[in-house]
Protein backbone atom coordinates (compact mmCIF):
# COMPACT_ATOMS: atom_id res chain seq x y z
CA UNK A 1 -37.01 43.99 -20.19
CA UNK A 2 -40.49 44.46 -18.70
CA UNK A 3 -39.42 42.83 -15.43
CA UNK A 4 -36.61 45.35 -15.16
CA UNK A 5 -39.01 48.26 -15.73
CA UNK A 6 -41.42 46.90 -13.12
CA UNK A 7 -38.62 46.43 -10.59
CA UNK A 8 -37.26 49.92 -11.20
CA UNK A 9 -40.65 51.59 -10.84
CA UNK A 10 -41.49 49.53 -7.75
CA UNK A 11 -38.24 50.54 -6.09
CA UNK A 12 -38.73 54.23 -6.89
CA UNK A 13 -42.32 54.28 -5.66
CA UNK A 14 -41.58 52.29 -2.52
CA UNK A 15 -38.79 54.68 -1.60
CA UNK A 16 -41.09 57.66 -2.12
CA UNK A 17 -44.01 56.18 -0.19
CA UNK A 18 -42.44 54.18 2.63
CA UNK A 19 -42.82 55.73 6.04
CA UNK A 20 -40.72 54.81 9.05
CA UNK A 21 -43.31 52.42 10.47
CA UNK A 22 -45.21 51.46 7.31
CA UNK A 23 -44.84 47.74 8.05
CA UNK A 24 -46.50 48.16 11.46
CA UNK A 25 -49.58 50.16 10.44
CA UNK A 26 -52.26 48.34 8.47
CA UNK A 27 -53.36 51.51 6.69
CA UNK A 28 -49.81 52.13 5.47
CA UNK A 29 -49.44 48.48 4.40
CA UNK A 30 -52.74 48.71 2.51
CA UNK A 31 -51.55 51.84 0.73
CA UNK A 32 -48.32 50.05 -0.22
CA UNK A 33 -50.28 47.01 -1.53
CA UNK A 34 -52.42 49.30 -3.69
CA UNK A 35 -49.30 50.97 -5.03
CA UNK A 36 -47.70 47.63 -5.96
CA UNK A 37 -50.92 46.29 -7.52
CA UNK A 38 -51.25 49.42 -9.62
CA UNK A 39 -47.72 49.12 -10.97
CA UNK A 40 -48.16 45.44 -11.77
CA UNK A 41 -51.45 46.17 -13.56
CA UNK A 42 -49.84 49.01 -15.51
CA UNK A 43 -47.32 46.58 -16.99
CA UNK A 44 -49.88 43.87 -17.73
CA UNK A 45 -48.94 41.47 -14.94
CA UNK A 46 -51.45 38.58 -14.88
CA UNK A 47 -54.17 39.30 -12.29
CA UNK A 48 -54.28 35.68 -11.11
CA UNK A 49 -50.62 35.93 -10.10
CA UNK A 50 -50.67 39.45 -8.69
CA UNK A 51 -51.73 38.54 -5.14
CA UNK A 52 -48.67 36.34 -4.66
CA UNK A 53 -46.45 38.90 -6.39
CA UNK A 54 -47.66 41.71 -4.13
CA UNK A 55 -46.93 39.62 -1.03
CA UNK A 56 -43.45 38.77 -2.34
CA UNK A 57 -42.71 42.41 -3.11
CA UNK A 58 -43.83 43.56 0.35
CA UNK A 59 -41.65 40.92 2.02
CA UNK A 60 -38.66 42.05 -0.06
CA UNK A 61 -39.34 45.70 0.74
CA UNK A 62 -39.44 44.93 4.47
CA UNK A 63 -36.10 43.14 4.19
CA UNK A 64 -34.57 45.95 2.15
CA UNK A 65 -35.74 48.65 4.54
CA UNK A 66 -34.44 46.73 7.58
CA UNK A 67 -31.01 46.65 5.96
CA UNK A 68 -31.08 50.36 5.15
CA UNK A 69 -32.23 51.55 8.57
């Protein structure tokens, strides 16, 4: 159930915070990484696994946004 909550919140926050060119600007990517890390921390995701999880989430977001636009 926690994974579902994390996924739902991630999707909502990414939609709210993604700009048109977020994947091209390092400052926007950094803001997105901080957002994802914060959500993972909120739900008690293990810190030693969060770096890989953040990277995976960002890759999935890029794929999702390419399909939408």
